[in-house]
Amino acid sequence: MRVQRRKSRNSEELTHKAEEEIAALISKKVAELRKKTGQEVSEIEFAPRETMKGLEGYHVKIKLL
């Protein structure tokens, strides 16, 4: 039971860290687009990219104002 809890807690910590890193990267890219284009980002769409093995990543579409 203790090993299971440690694994679960470790998974939660890793997941949280990954979420923070992804959010920071998105913020950085939005700021870069704003600076380079002079336009604001109005929407970011994420569509799953799946294979027979499972989720491989995401297709990303960014809309500017």
C-alpha atoms as a PDB file:
ATOM      1  CA  MET A   1       0.000   0.000   0.000  1.00  0.00           C
ATOM      2  CA  ARG A   2       2.808   2.462   0.863  1.00  0.00           C
ATOM      3  CA  VAL A   3       4.571   1.837  -2.441  1.00  0.00           C
ATOM      4  CA  GLN A   4       1.295   2.490  -4.279  1.00  0.00           C
ATOM      5  CA  ARG A   5       0.805   5.788  -2.422  1.00  0.00           C
ATOM      6  CA  ARG A   6       4.383   6.870  -3.141  1.00  0.00           C
ATOM      7  CA  LYS A   7       3.946   6.075  -6.818  1.00  0.00           C
ATOM      8  CA  SER A   8       0.649   7.949  -6.886  1.00  0.00           C
ATOM      9  CA  ARG A   9       2.133  10.972  -5.108  1.00  0.00           C
ATOM     10  CA  ASN A  10       5.179  10.916  -7.395  1.00  0.00           C
ATOM     11  CA  SER A  11       2.917  10.709 -10.460  1.00  0.00           C
ATOM     12  CA  GLU A  12       0.897  13.661  -9.188  1.00  0.00           C
ATOM     13  CA  GLU A  13       4.054  15.714  -8.609  1.00  0.00           C
ATOM     14  CA  LEU A  14       5.419  14.881 -12.064  1.00  0.00           C
ATOM     15  CA  THR A  15       2.071  15.670 -13.669  1.00  0.00           C
ATOM     16  CA  HIS A  16       1.823  18.997 -11.832  1.00  0.00           C
ATOM     17  CA  LYS A  17       5.369  19.948 -12.841  1.00  0.00           C
ATOM     18  CA  ALA A  18       4.676  19.051 -16.496  1.00  0.00           C
ATOM     19  CA  GLU A  19       1.491  21.144 -16.440  1.00  0.00           C
ATOM     20  CA  GLU A  20       3.407  24.140 -15.066  1.00  0.00           C
ATOM     21  CA  GLU A  21       6.131  23.757 -17.710  1.00  0.00           C
ATOM     22  CA  ILE A  22       3.590  23.489 -20.546  1.00  0.00           C
ATOM     23  CA  ALA A  23       1.691  26.552 -19.268  1.00  0.00           C
ATOM     24  CA  ALA A  24       4.952  28.534 -19.086  1.00  0.00           C
ATOM     25  CA  LEU A  25       5.905  27.505 -22.634  1.00  0.00           C
ATOM     26  CA  ILE A  26       2.482  28.516 -23.962  1.00  0.00           C
ATOM     27  CA  SER A  27       2.735  31.900 -22.204  1.00  0.00           C
ATOM     28  CA  LYS A  28       6.191  32.446 -23.685  1.00  0.00           C
ATOM     29  CA  LYS A  29       5.031  31.595 -27.220  1.00  0.00           C
ATOM     30  CA  VAL A  30       1.941  33.820 -26.905  1.00  0.00           C
ATOM     31  CA  ALA A  31       4.172  36.732 -25.845  1.00  0.00           C
ATOM     32  CA  GLU A  32       6.518  36.050 -28.789  1.00  0.00           C
ATOM     33  CA  LEU A  33       3.613  36.016 -31.258  1.00  0.00           C
ATOM     34  CA  ARG A  34       2.221  39.254 -29.803  1.00  0.00           C
ATOM     35  CA  LYS A  35       5.616  40.926 -30.119  1.00  0.00           C
ATOM     36  CA  LYS A  36       6.327  39.674 -33.657  1.00  0.00           C
ATOM     37  CA  THR A  37       2.854  40.156 -35.158  1.00  0.00           C
ATOM     38  CA  GLY A  38       1.426  42.993 -33.088  1.00  0.00           C
ATOM     39  CA  GLN A  39      -1.735  40.917 -32.734  1.00  0.00           C
ATOM     40  CA  GLU A  40      -3.304  39.258 -29.737  1.00  0.00           C
ATOM     41  CA  VAL A  41      -3.915  35.522 -29.541  1.00  0.00           C
ATOM     42  CA  SER A  42      -7.665  34.965 -29.419  1.00  0.00           C
ATOM     43  CA  GLU A  43      -7.748  31.196 -29.200  1.00  0.00           C
ATOM     44  CA  ILE A  44      -5.559  28.125 -28.960  1.00  0.00           C
ATOM     45  CA  GLU A  45      -7.030  24.780 -30.032  1.00  0.00           C
ATOM     46  CA  PHE A  46      -5.525  21.423 -29.124  1.00  0.00           C
ATOM     47  CA  ALA A  47      -6.555  18.334 -31.091  1.00  0.00           C
ATOM     48  CA  PRO A  48      -5.237  14.949 -29.964  1.00  0.00           C
ATOM     49  CA  ARG A  49      -2.894  13.144 -32.346  1.00  0.00           C
ATOM     50  CA  GLU A  50      -3.365   9.450 -31.741  1.00  0.00           C
ATOM     51  CA  THR A  51      -1.821   6.289 -33.129  1.00  0.00           C
ATOM     52  CA  MET A  52      -2.600   2.640 -32.544  1.00  0.00           C
ATOM     53  CA  LYS A  53      -0.286   2.833 -29.516  1.00  0.00           C
ATOM     54  CA  GLY A  54      -2.232   5.681 -27.950  1.00  0.00           C
ATOM     55  CA  LEU A  55      -1.844   9.419 -27.615  1.00  0.00           C
ATOM     56  CA  GLU A  56       1.220  10.635 -29.497  1.00  0.00           C
ATOM     57  CA  GLY A  57       0.813  14.373 -29.041  1.00  0.00           C
ATOM     58  CA  TYR A  58      -1.372  17.253 -30.130  1.00  0.00           C
ATOM     59  CA  HIS A  59      -1.997  19.319 -33.226  1.00  0.00           C
ATOM     60  CA  VAL A  60      -2.101  22.965 -32.183  1.00  0.00           C
ATOM     61  CA  LYS A  61      -3.973  25.760 -33.967  1.00  0.00           C
ATOM     62  CA  ILE A  62      -3.518  29.365 -32.878  1.00  0.00           C
ATOM     63  CA  LYS A  63      -5.941  32.106 -33.895  1.00  0.00           C
ATOM     64  CA  LEU A  64      -4.956  35.766 -33.830  1.00  0.00           C
ATOM     65  CA  LEU A  65      -7.224  38.812 -33.540  1.00  0.00           C
END
